[in-house]
Amino acid sequence: MTDNTQPGGKHHGFPWRATGWSGLALLLSLPLILHFPWTASDFVLAGVVLGGAGLIVELIVWASSSLTYRIGGLIALLASVGLLWVNGAVGFLGDEHNPANLLFLGVIAIAVAGAVVVRFKAAGLSRVLAATALAQLLVGVVGYAAGWASPGVAGLTEVALGTALFGALWLSSAGLFHWAARTGG
């Protein structure tokens, strides 16, 4: 990130990059420190997800100097990582072993593929993330209607709350990218 570098390579200001990567390393070490019953593959998967998220943060910062753009990107990233984490830990539809939860990878794929197609431009990202919110809603509704959620009120609650939460994140990000596009970000 060039925000901390002056000509000649001298750094000034707060070291955001080092703090961010150190924070991710600390976050990854917490299950070990707190004695969570994680396997080696749990740590590898968490490392891949968190490391990938860190690289995406670097790309977001590189893509635009607009604060609105950056916040929109961070919210979309939060939604993606959160959706992966929820499905891996407890499952969105039923439990974590329900294969229907793999449909939510399609929601994330829409966001990622769409971002590439629109070349990470704010106006295009606004439309892509609105479509991602719609995909989130459709997967939740279809999953519930097909009986893939937990039985009874618990299933309705998990789908309604999860869809509302992640849909709100996707739409918030879409709105921020729309604003960034309007203001030249």
N, C-alpha and C. Protein backbone atom coordinates (compact mmCIF):
# COMPACT_ATOMS: atom_id res chain seq x y z
N MET A 1 0.86 -1.16 0.00
CA MET A 1 0.00 0.00 0.00
C MET A 1 0.91 1.22 0.00
N THR A 2 0.70 2.10 -0.94
CA THR A 2 1.57 3.26 -1.09
C THR A 2 1.24 4.38 -0.13
N ASP A 3 0.15 4.28 0.61
CA ASP A 3 -0.24 5.35 1.52
C ASP A 3 0.82 5.59 2.60
N ASN A 4 1.63 4.60 2.92
CA ASN A 4 2.61 4.73 4.00
C ASN A 4 4.02 5.03 3.49
N THR A 5 4.19 5.15 2.17
CA THR A 5 5.53 5.27 1.63
C THR A 5 5.74 6.64 0.99
N GLN A 6 6.84 7.25 1.33
CA GLN A 6 7.24 8.52 0.71
C GLN A 6 8.26 8.19 -0.37
N PRO A 7 8.53 9.14 -1.28
CA PRO A 7 9.59 8.91 -2.27
C PRO A 7 10.89 8.53 -1.57
N GLY A 8 11.58 7.58 -2.13
CA GLY A 8 12.82 7.11 -1.52
C GLY A 8 12.61 5.92 -0.61
N GLY A 9 11.36 5.46 -0.49
CA GLY A 9 11.07 4.26 0.28
C GLY A 9 10.92 4.46 1.76
N LYS A 10 10.94 5.70 2.25
CA LYS A 10 10.78 5.94 3.68
C LYS A 10 9.31 5.79 4.06
N HIS A 11 9.07 5.12 5.14
CA HIS A 11 7.70 4.90 5.61
C HIS A 11 7.32 5.95 6.64
N HIS A 12 6.05 6.32 6.62
CA HIS A 12 5.53 7.24 7.63
C HIS A 12 4.12 6.80 7.99
N GLY A 13 3.62 7.32 9.08
CA GLY A 13 2.25 6.97 9.47
C GLY A 13 2.16 5.60 10.11
N PHE A 14 0.93 5.17 10.30
CA PHE A 14 0.66 3.89 10.95
C PHE A 14 0.93 2.74 9.99
N PRO A 15 1.61 1.69 10.43
CA PRO A 15 1.93 0.57 9.54
C PRO A 15 0.74 -0.39 9.35
N TRP A 16 -0.22 0.02 8.51
CA TRP A 16 -1.46 -0.74 8.33
C TRP A 16 -1.23 -2.16 7.84
N ARG A 17 -0.35 -2.33 6.89
CA ARG A 17 -0.14 -3.66 6.32
C ARG A 17 0.38 -4.63 7.38
N ALA A 18 1.40 -4.24 8.09
CA ALA A 18 1.98 -5.13 9.10
C ALA A 18 0.97 -5.43 10.19
N THR A 19 0.19 -4.43 10.57
CA THR A 19 -0.83 -4.63 11.59
C THR A 19 -1.91 -5.58 11.10
N GLY A 20 -2.34 -5.41 9.85
CA GLY A 20 -3.37 -6.28 9.29
C GLY A 20 -2.93 -7.73 9.20
N TRP A 21 -1.73 -7.96 8.65
CA TRP A 21 -1.23 -9.33 8.53
C TRP A 21 -0.95 -9.95 9.90
N SER A 22 -0.46 -9.16 10.84
CA SER A 22 -0.23 -9.66 12.20
C SER A 22 -1.56 -10.02 12.87
N GLY A 23 -2.57 -9.19 12.63
CA GLY A 23 -3.91 -9.47 13.17
C GLY A 23 -4.48 -10.77 12.62
N LEU A 24 -4.27 -11.02 11.32
CA LEU A 24 -4.73 -12.28 10.74
C LEU A 24 -3.99 -13.48 11.34
N ALA A 25 -2.69 -13.32 11.55
CA ALA A 25 -1.91 -14.40 12.16
C ALA A 25 -2.40 -14.67 13.59
N LEU A 26 -2.69 -13.61 14.33
CA LEU A 26 -3.21 -13.76 15.69
C LEU A 26 -4.57 -14.45 15.66
N LEU A 27 -5.42 -14.03 14.75
CA LEU A 27 -6.74 -14.64 14.62
C LEU A 27 -6.63 -16.13 14.31
N LEU A 28 -5.70 -16.49 13.44
CA LEU A 28 -5.50 -17.89 13.09
C LEU A 28 -4.94 -18.70 14.27
N SER A 29 -4.19 -18.04 15.15
CA SER A 29 -3.60 -18.75 16.28
C SER A 29 -4.56 -18.88 17.47
N LEU A 30 -5.64 -18.10 17.48
CA LEU A 30 -6.57 -18.16 18.62
C LEU A 30 -7.13 -19.55 18.91
N PRO A 31 -7.55 -20.33 17.90
CA PRO A 31 -8.04 -21.67 18.23
C PRO A 31 -6.99 -22.54 18.92
N LEU A 32 -5.73 -22.36 18.58
CA LEU A 32 -4.66 -23.10 19.23
C LEU A 32 -4.46 -22.62 20.66
N ILE A 33 -4.47 -21.30 20.84
CA ILE A 33 -4.29 -20.71 22.17
C ILE A 33 -5.46 -21.09 23.10
N LEU A 34 -6.67 -21.09 22.54
CA LEU A 34 -7.87 -21.38 23.34
C LEU A 34 -8.21 -22.86 23.40
N HIS A 35 -7.35 -23.68 22.82
CA HIS A 35 -7.48 -25.14 22.86
C HIS A 35 -8.77 -25.63 22.20
N PHE A 36 -9.12 -25.03 21.04
CA PHE A 36 -10.25 -25.54 20.27
C PHE A 36 -9.85 -26.89 19.69
N PRO A 37 -10.78 -27.80 19.54
CA PRO A 37 -10.45 -29.13 19.00
C PRO A 37 -10.32 -29.11 17.47
N TRP A 38 -9.41 -28.30 16.95
CA TRP A 38 -9.20 -28.21 15.51
C TRP A 38 -8.18 -29.23 15.05
N THR A 39 -8.40 -29.75 13.86
CA THR A 39 -7.43 -30.65 13.23
C THR A 39 -6.47 -29.81 12.39
N ALA A 40 -5.44 -30.47 11.90
CA ALA A 40 -4.49 -29.76 11.03
C ALA A 40 -5.20 -29.23 9.79
N SER A 41 -6.15 -29.99 9.25
CA SER A 41 -6.85 -29.52 8.06
C SER A 41 -7.73 -28.30 8.37
N ASP A 42 -8.26 -28.20 9.59
CA ASP A 42 -9.01 -27.01 9.99
C ASP A 42 -8.12 -25.77 9.95
N PHE A 43 -6.89 -25.91 10.46
CA PHE A 43 -5.95 -24.79 10.46
C PHE A 43 -5.54 -24.42 9.03
N VAL A 44 -5.32 -25.44 8.20
CA VAL A 44 -4.94 -25.16 6.81
C VAL A 44 -6.07 -24.43 6.09
N LEU A 45 -7.29 -24.91 6.24
CA LEU A 45 -8.43 -24.26 5.58
C LEU A 45 -8.62 -22.84 6.09
N ALA A 46 -8.54 -22.65 7.40
CA ALA A 46 -8.67 -21.31 7.97
C ALA A 46 -7.54 -20.41 7.47
N GLY A 47 -6.33 -20.94 7.38
CA GLY A 47 -5.20 -20.18 6.87
C GLY A 47 -5.40 -19.76 5.42
N VAL A 48 -5.93 -20.66 4.61
CA VAL A 48 -6.20 -20.33 3.20
C VAL A 48 -7.28 -19.24 3.11
N VAL A 49 -8.35 -19.39 3.88
CA VAL A 49 -9.44 -18.41 3.85
C VAL A 49 -8.94 -17.05 4.35
N LEU A 50 -8.28 -17.03 5.49
CA LEU A 50 -7.80 -15.76 6.05
C LEU A 50 -6.68 -15.14 5.22
N GLY A 51 -5.79 -15.98 4.72
CA GLY A 51 -4.72 -15.47 3.85
C GLY A 51 -5.29 -14.91 2.55
N GLY A 52 -6.26 -15.63 1.99
CA GLY A 52 -6.93 -15.12 0.78
C GLY A 52 -7.63 -13.81 1.05
N ALA A 53 -8.27 -13.71 2.21
CA ALA A 53 -8.94 -12.46 2.58
C ALA A 53 -7.93 -11.33 2.69
N GLY A 54 -6.77 -11.61 3.28
CA GLY A 54 -5.72 -10.59 3.39
C GLY A 54 -5.24 -10.11 2.02
N LEU A 55 -5.08 -11.05 1.10
CA LEU A 55 -4.67 -10.67 -0.26
C LEU A 55 -5.75 -9.84 -0.95
N ILE A 56 -7.00 -10.18 -0.71
CA ILE A 56 -8.09 -9.41 -1.31
C ILE A 56 -8.13 -8.00 -0.73
N VAL A 57 -7.86 -7.87 0.56
CA VAL A 57 -7.78 -6.53 1.14
C VAL A 57 -6.68 -5.72 0.43
N GLU A 58 -5.55 -6.35 0.18
CA GLU A 58 -4.47 -5.67 -0.55
C GLU A 58 -4.97 -5.21 -1.93
N LEU A 59 -5.71 -6.08 -2.63
CA LEU A 59 -6.24 -5.72 -3.95
C LEU A 59 -7.25 -4.58 -3.88
N ILE A 60 -8.10 -4.61 -2.85
CA ILE A 60 -9.09 -3.54 -2.68
C ILE A 60 -8.39 -2.20 -2.50
N VAL A 61 -7.37 -2.18 -1.67
CA VAL A 61 -6.63 -0.94 -1.41
C VAL A 61 -5.92 -0.48 -2.69
N TRP A 62 -5.40 -1.42 -3.44
CA TRP A 62 -4.70 -1.09 -4.68
C TRP A 62 -5.67 -0.58 -5.75
N ALA A 63 -6.90 -1.12 -5.77
CA ALA A 63 -7.86 -0.81 -6.84
C ALA A 63 -8.36 0.62 -6.80
N SER A 64 -8.47 1.22 -5.63
CA SER A 64 -9.03 2.56 -5.56
C SER A 64 -8.57 3.25 -4.28
N SER A 65 -8.42 4.56 -4.38
CA SER A 65 -8.10 5.33 -3.18
C SER A 65 -9.36 5.83 -2.50
N SER A 66 -10.53 5.58 -3.10
CA SER A 66 -11.80 6.02 -2.54
C SER A 66 -12.13 5.23 -1.27
N LEU A 67 -12.38 5.93 -0.20
CA LEU A 67 -12.76 5.27 1.05
C LEU A 67 -14.08 4.52 0.89
N THR A 68 -15.02 5.09 0.15
CA THR A 68 -16.31 4.43 -0.07
C THR A 68 -16.12 3.12 -0.82
N TYR A 69 -15.29 3.12 -1.84
CA TYR A 69 -14.97 1.91 -2.60
C TYR A 69 -14.34 0.86 -1.68
N ARG A 70 -13.38 1.30 -0.89
CA ARG A 70 -12.68 0.37 0.00
C ARG A 70 -13.62 -0.24 1.04
N ILE A 71 -14.49 0.57 1.62
CA ILE A 71 -15.43 0.03 2.61
C ILE A 71 -16.40 -0.93 1.94
N GLY A 72 -16.87 -0.59 0.74
CA GLY A 72 -17.74 -1.50 -0.02
C GLY A 72 -17.06 -2.83 -0.27
N GLY A 73 -15.79 -2.78 -0.65
CA GLY A 73 -15.03 -4.01 -0.87
C GLY A 73 -14.84 -4.82 0.40
N LEU A 74 -14.58 -4.14 1.50
CA LEU A 74 -14.39 -4.84 2.78
C LEU A 74 -15.68 -5.51 3.25
N ILE A 75 -16.81 -4.84 3.02
CA ILE A 75 -18.09 -5.45 3.41
C ILE A 75 -18.38 -6.68 2.56
N ALA A 76 -18.11 -6.60 1.25
CA ALA A 76 -18.30 -7.77 0.38
C ALA A 76 -17.38 -8.91 0.81
N LEU A 77 -16.16 -8.56 1.18
CA LEU A 77 -15.22 -9.58 1.66
C LEU A 77 -15.70 -10.18 2.97
N LEU A 78 -16.20 -9.36 3.88
CA LEU A 78 -16.76 -9.85 5.14
C LEU A 78 -17.91 -10.82 4.88
N ALA A 79 -18.78 -10.47 3.94
CA ALA A 79 -19.89 -11.35 3.61
C ALA A 79 -19.39 -12.68 3.06
N SER A 80 -18.40 -12.64 2.19
CA SER A 80 -17.86 -13.87 1.60
C SER A 80 -17.22 -14.77 2.65
N VAL A 81 -16.35 -14.19 3.45
CA VAL A 81 -15.66 -14.97 4.49
C VAL A 81 -16.68 -15.47 5.53
N GLY A 82 -17.61 -14.62 5.91
CA GLY A 82 -18.64 -15.02 6.87
C GLY A 82 -19.49 -16.17 6.35
N LEU A 83 -19.86 -16.11 5.08
CA LEU A 83 -20.67 -17.18 4.50
C LEU A 83 -19.89 -18.48 4.44
N LEU A 84 -18.62 -18.41 4.08
CA LEU A 84 -17.77 -19.61 4.11
C LEU A 84 -17.65 -20.17 5.52
N TRP A 85 -17.42 -19.29 6.48
CA TRP A 85 -17.20 -19.71 7.86
C TRP A 85 -18.45 -20.35 8.46
N VAL A 86 -19.59 -19.70 8.25
CA VAL A 86 -20.85 -20.24 8.78
C VAL A 86 -21.13 -21.62 8.20
N ASN A 87 -20.96 -21.75 6.89
CA ASN A 87 -21.24 -23.05 6.27
C ASN A 87 -20.25 -24.12 6.70
N GLY A 88 -19.00 -23.73 6.91
CA GLY A 88 -18.02 -24.71 7.36
C GLY A 88 -18.17 -25.09 8.82
N ALA A 89 -18.61 -24.16 9.63
CA ALA A 89 -18.69 -24.41 11.08
C ALA A 89 -20.00 -25.07 11.48
N VAL A 90 -21.12 -24.51 11.06
CA VAL A 90 -22.41 -25.04 11.52
C VAL A 90 -23.41 -25.28 10.39
N GLY A 91 -23.15 -24.75 9.22
CA GLY A 91 -24.07 -24.89 8.11
C GLY A 91 -25.15 -23.82 8.12
N PHE A 92 -25.50 -23.37 6.95
CA PHE A 92 -26.56 -22.37 6.80
C PHE A 92 -27.89 -23.09 6.71
N LEU A 93 -27.93 -24.14 5.92
CA LEU A 93 -29.13 -24.98 5.77
C LEU A 93 -28.88 -26.28 6.54
N GLY A 94 -29.57 -26.45 7.63
CA GLY A 94 -29.33 -27.64 8.45
C GLY A 94 -27.97 -27.55 9.12
N ASP A 95 -27.21 -28.65 9.06
CA ASP A 95 -25.88 -28.65 9.69
C ASP A 95 -24.79 -28.53 8.62
N GLU A 96 -23.54 -28.53 9.09
CA GLU A 96 -22.41 -28.32 8.19
C GLU A 96 -22.20 -29.47 7.21
N HIS A 97 -22.83 -30.60 7.43
CA HIS A 97 -22.67 -31.76 6.55
C HIS A 97 -23.72 -31.80 5.45
N ASN A 98 -24.66 -30.87 5.45
CA ASN A 98 -25.72 -30.84 4.45
C ASN A 98 -25.13 -30.36 3.12
N PRO A 99 -25.16 -31.21 2.07
CA PRO A 99 -24.58 -30.81 0.78
C PRO A 99 -25.29 -29.60 0.15
N ALA A 100 -26.49 -29.29 0.58
CA ALA A 100 -27.20 -28.12 0.05
C ALA A 100 -26.44 -26.83 0.37
N ASN A 101 -25.63 -26.84 1.42
CA ASN A 101 -24.85 -25.65 1.77
C ASN A 101 -23.83 -25.29 0.69
N LEU A 102 -23.49 -26.25 -0.16
CA LEU A 102 -22.56 -25.95 -1.24
C LEU A 102 -23.14 -24.94 -2.23
N LEU A 103 -24.46 -24.79 -2.24
CA LEU A 103 -25.08 -23.80 -3.12
C LEU A 103 -24.60 -22.39 -2.79
N PHE A 104 -24.24 -22.16 -1.54
CA PHE A 104 -23.78 -20.83 -1.16
C PHE A 104 -22.40 -20.51 -1.74
N LEU A 105 -21.66 -21.53 -2.17
CA LEU A 105 -20.42 -21.26 -2.89
C LEU A 105 -20.75 -20.58 -4.22
N GLY A 106 -21.91 -20.92 -4.78
CA GLY A 106 -22.35 -20.27 -6.01
C GLY A 106 -22.62 -18.79 -5.80
N VAL A 107 -23.13 -18.44 -4.62
CA VAL A 107 -23.37 -17.03 -4.30
C VAL A 107 -22.04 -16.28 -4.32
N ILE A 108 -21.04 -16.85 -3.67
CA ILE A 108 -19.72 -16.22 -3.64
C ILE A 108 -19.11 -16.20 -5.04
N ALA A 109 -19.32 -17.26 -5.80
CA ALA A 109 -18.79 -17.32 -7.17
C ALA A 109 -19.38 -16.21 -8.04
N ILE A 110 -20.65 -15.88 -7.84
CA ILE A 110 -21.26 -14.78 -8.59
C ILE A 110 -20.53 -13.48 -8.28
N ALA A 111 -20.25 -13.25 -7.00
CA ALA A 111 -19.55 -12.03 -6.61
C ALA A 111 -18.14 -11.98 -7.21
N VAL A 112 -17.41 -13.08 -7.12
CA VAL A 112 -16.03 -13.11 -7.60
C VAL A 112 -15.97 -13.01 -9.13
N ALA A 113 -16.74 -13.87 -9.81
CA ALA A 113 -16.72 -13.85 -11.27
C ALA A 113 -17.24 -12.52 -11.81
N GLY A 114 -18.28 -12.01 -11.18
CA GLY A 114 -18.81 -10.72 -11.61
C GLY A 114 -17.81 -9.60 -11.45
N ALA A 115 -17.07 -9.61 -10.34
CA ALA A 115 -16.06 -8.58 -10.10
C ALA A 115 -14.99 -8.61 -11.19
N VAL A 116 -14.60 -9.81 -11.59
CA VAL A 116 -13.60 -9.94 -12.66
C VAL A 116 -14.17 -9.43 -13.98
N VAL A 117 -15.40 -9.82 -14.29
CA VAL A 117 -16.03 -9.42 -15.55
C VAL A 117 -16.14 -7.90 -15.66
N VAL A 118 -16.49 -7.22 -14.56
CA VAL A 118 -16.64 -5.76 -14.60
C VAL A 118 -15.32 -5.05 -14.32
N ARG A 119 -14.25 -5.81 -14.24
CA ARG A 119 -12.89 -5.28 -14.03
C ARG A 119 -12.77 -4.42 -12.78
N PHE A 120 -13.51 -4.82 -11.76
CA PHE A 120 -13.44 -4.19 -10.44
C PHE A 120 -13.82 -2.70 -10.47
N LYS A 121 -14.59 -2.30 -11.46
CA LYS A 121 -15.07 -0.92 -11.55
C LYS A 121 -16.27 -0.76 -10.64
N ALA A 122 -16.36 0.36 -9.94
CA ALA A 122 -17.38 0.58 -8.92
C ALA A 122 -18.80 0.42 -9.47
N ALA A 123 -19.11 1.00 -10.62
CA ALA A 123 -20.47 0.91 -11.17
C ALA A 123 -20.86 -0.54 -11.44
N GLY A 124 -19.94 -1.29 -12.02
CA GLY A 124 -20.21 -2.70 -12.30
C GLY A 124 -20.33 -3.52 -11.02
N LEU A 125 -19.47 -3.22 -10.05
CA LEU A 125 -19.52 -3.94 -8.78
C LEU A 125 -20.85 -3.71 -8.06
N SER A 126 -21.41 -2.52 -8.22
CA SER A 126 -22.71 -2.24 -7.62
C SER A 126 -23.76 -3.21 -8.16
N ARG A 127 -23.79 -3.40 -9.46
CA ARG A 127 -24.75 -4.32 -10.07
C ARG A 127 -24.45 -5.77 -9.70
N VAL A 128 -23.18 -6.14 -9.71
CA VAL A 128 -22.79 -7.51 -9.37
C VAL A 128 -23.21 -7.86 -7.95
N LEU A 129 -23.00 -6.96 -7.01
CA LEU A 129 -23.32 -7.26 -5.62
C LEU A 129 -24.81 -7.23 -5.35
N ALA A 130 -25.56 -6.45 -6.12
CA ALA A 130 -27.02 -6.52 -6.04
C ALA A 130 -27.48 -7.89 -6.54
N ALA A 131 -26.88 -8.39 -7.61
CA ALA A 131 -27.21 -9.73 -8.12
C ALA A 131 -26.80 -10.80 -7.11
N THR A 132 -25.71 -10.58 -6.42
CA THR A 132 -25.26 -11.52 -5.40
C THR A 132 -26.26 -11.57 -4.24
N ALA A 133 -26.80 -10.42 -3.86
CA ALA A 133 -27.84 -10.39 -2.81
C ALA A 133 -29.06 -11.17 -3.26
N LEU A 134 -29.44 -11.01 -4.52
CA LEU A 134 -30.58 -11.76 -5.05
C LEU A 134 -30.30 -13.26 -5.04
N ALA A 135 -29.09 -13.65 -5.42
CA ALA A 135 -28.71 -15.07 -5.39
C ALA A 135 -28.77 -15.61 -3.97
N GLN A 136 -28.32 -14.83 -3.00
CA GLN A 136 -28.38 -15.23 -1.58
C GLN A 136 -29.82 -15.51 -1.19
N LEU A 137 -30.72 -14.60 -1.56
CA LEU A 137 -32.13 -14.76 -1.25
C LEU A 137 -32.70 -16.01 -1.92
N LEU A 138 -32.39 -16.20 -3.19
CA LEU A 138 -32.93 -17.35 -3.92
C LEU A 138 -32.45 -18.68 -3.34
N VAL A 139 -31.17 -18.75 -3.01
CA VAL A 139 -30.66 -20.00 -2.43
C VAL A 139 -31.33 -20.29 -1.10
N GLY A 140 -31.50 -19.26 -0.27
CA GLY A 140 -32.18 -19.46 1.01
C GLY A 140 -33.62 -19.91 0.84
N VAL A 141 -34.36 -19.25 -0.06
CA VAL A 141 -35.77 -19.59 -0.28
C VAL A 141 -35.90 -20.98 -0.88
N VAL A 142 -35.09 -21.28 -1.90
CA VAL A 142 -35.14 -22.60 -2.53
C VAL A 142 -34.74 -23.68 -1.52
N GLY A 143 -33.70 -23.41 -0.73
CA GLY A 143 -33.26 -24.39 0.27
C GLY A 143 -34.34 -24.68 1.29
N TYR A 144 -35.04 -23.64 1.71
CA TYR A 144 -36.12 -23.86 2.68
C TYR A 144 -37.28 -24.58 2.04
N ALA A 145 -37.68 -24.14 0.84
CA ALA A 145 -38.82 -24.75 0.15
C ALA A 145 -38.56 -26.22 -0.19
N ALA A 146 -37.31 -26.56 -0.47
CA ALA A 146 -36.96 -27.94 -0.81
C ALA A 146 -36.80 -28.83 0.43
N GLY A 147 -36.91 -28.24 1.61
CA GLY A 147 -36.78 -29.01 2.83
C GLY A 147 -35.35 -29.29 3.24
N TRP A 148 -34.41 -28.49 2.76
CA TRP A 148 -33.01 -28.71 3.08
C TRP A 148 -32.59 -28.05 4.38
N ALA A 149 -33.41 -27.17 4.90
CA ALA A 149 -33.09 -26.48 6.16
C ALA A 149 -33.45 -27.39 7.33
N SER A 150 -33.11 -26.96 8.52
CA SER A 150 -33.52 -27.70 9.71
C SER A 150 -35.04 -27.77 9.75
N PRO A 151 -35.58 -28.80 10.40
CA PRO A 151 -37.04 -28.93 10.44
C PRO A 151 -37.71 -27.85 11.30
N GLY A 152 -38.94 -27.50 10.93
CA GLY A 152 -39.78 -26.62 11.73
C GLY A 152 -39.34 -25.18 11.77
N VAL A 153 -39.68 -24.56 12.90
CA VAL A 153 -39.40 -23.14 13.10
C VAL A 153 -37.90 -22.86 13.07
N ALA A 154 -37.09 -23.79 13.53
CA ALA A 154 -35.63 -23.59 13.53
C ALA A 154 -35.12 -23.37 12.11
N GLY A 155 -35.63 -24.13 11.16
CA GLY A 155 -35.21 -23.97 9.77
C GLY A 155 -35.63 -22.64 9.19
N LEU A 156 -36.87 -22.25 9.48
CA LEU A 156 -37.35 -20.96 8.99
C LEU A 156 -36.52 -19.83 9.60
N THR A 157 -36.20 -19.94 10.87
CA THR A 157 -35.42 -18.91 11.55
C THR A 157 -34.01 -18.83 10.97
N GLU A 158 -33.35 -19.98 10.77
CA GLU A 158 -31.98 -19.95 10.26
C GLU A 158 -31.93 -19.37 8.84
N VAL A 159 -32.91 -19.72 8.03
CA VAL A 159 -32.93 -19.20 6.66
C VAL A 159 -33.27 -17.71 6.65
N ALA A 160 -34.28 -17.32 7.42
CA ALA A 160 -34.69 -15.91 7.43
C ALA A 160 -33.59 -15.01 7.99
N LEU A 161 -33.01 -15.40 9.12
CA LEU A 161 -31.96 -14.57 9.72
C LEU A 161 -30.70 -14.55 8.86
N GLY A 162 -30.30 -15.72 8.40
CA GLY A 162 -29.08 -15.79 7.57
C GLY A 162 -29.23 -15.04 6.26
N THR A 163 -30.38 -15.22 5.61
CA THR A 163 -30.61 -14.53 4.35
C THR A 163 -30.68 -13.02 4.57
N ALA A 164 -31.35 -12.60 5.63
CA ALA A 164 -31.44 -11.17 5.91
C ALA A 164 -30.06 -10.58 6.22
N LEU A 165 -29.28 -11.26 7.04
CA LEU A 165 -27.95 -10.75 7.41
C LEU A 165 -27.04 -10.65 6.19
N PHE A 166 -26.88 -11.77 5.47
CA PHE A 166 -25.96 -11.75 4.34
C PHE A 166 -26.50 -10.91 3.19
N GLY A 167 -27.82 -10.93 2.99
CA GLY A 167 -28.40 -10.07 1.97
C GLY A 167 -28.14 -8.60 2.27
N ALA A 168 -28.26 -8.22 3.54
CA ALA A 168 -27.99 -6.83 3.94
C ALA A 168 -26.52 -6.47 3.70
N LEU A 169 -25.62 -7.39 3.97
CA LEU A 169 -24.20 -7.12 3.71
C LEU A 169 -23.95 -6.91 2.22
N TRP A 170 -24.49 -7.83 1.39
CA TRP A 170 -24.30 -7.69 -0.07
C TRP A 170 -24.89 -6.38 -0.57
N LEU A 171 -26.10 -6.05 -0.10
CA LEU A 171 -26.75 -4.81 -0.56
C LEU A 171 -26.03 -3.56 -0.05
N SER A 172 -25.51 -3.62 1.17
CA SER A 172 -24.73 -2.48 1.68
C SER A 172 -23.50 -2.25 0.82
N SER A 173 -22.84 -3.32 0.48
CA SER A 173 -21.67 -3.21 -0.38
C SER A 173 -22.05 -2.66 -1.75
N ALA A 174 -23.16 -3.16 -2.31
CA ALA A 174 -23.63 -2.66 -3.61
C ALA A 174 -23.91 -1.16 -3.54
N GLY A 175 -24.55 -0.73 -2.46
CA GLY A 175 -24.85 0.69 -2.30
C GLY A 175 -23.60 1.54 -2.20
N LEU A 176 -22.61 1.06 -1.48
CA LEU A 176 -21.35 1.81 -1.35
C LEU A 176 -20.63 1.90 -2.69
N PHE A 177 -20.64 0.81 -3.46
CA PHE A 177 -20.02 0.87 -4.78
C PHE A 177 -20.79 1.80 -5.72
N HIS A 178 -22.11 1.82 -5.59
CA HIS A 178 -22.92 2.75 -6.38
C HIS A 178 -22.52 4.19 -6.03
N TRP A 179 -22.39 4.47 -4.75
CA TRP A 179 -22.00 5.80 -4.30
C TRP A 179 -20.58 6.14 -4.80
N ALA A 180 -19.68 5.18 -4.72
CA ALA A 180 -18.31 5.41 -5.19
C ALA A 180 -18.31 5.71 -6.69
N ALA A 181 -19.14 5.02 -7.45
CA ALA A 181 -19.20 5.27 -8.89
C ALA A 181 -19.74 6.68 -9.18
N ARG A 182 -20.72 7.10 -8.41
CA ARG A 182 -21.33 8.42 -8.61
C ARG A 182 -20.37 9.55 -8.24
N THR A 183 -19.50 9.29 -7.28
CA THR A 183 -18.58 10.33 -6.81
C THR A 183 -17.19 10.21 -7.43
N GLY A 184 -17.06 9.32 -8.40
CA GLY A 184 -15.79 9.18 -9.09
C GLY A 184 -14.77 8.30 -8.42
N GLY A 185 -15.23 7.42 -7.48
CA GLY A 185 -14.31 6.55 -6.73
C GLY A 185 -13.96 5.35 -7.40
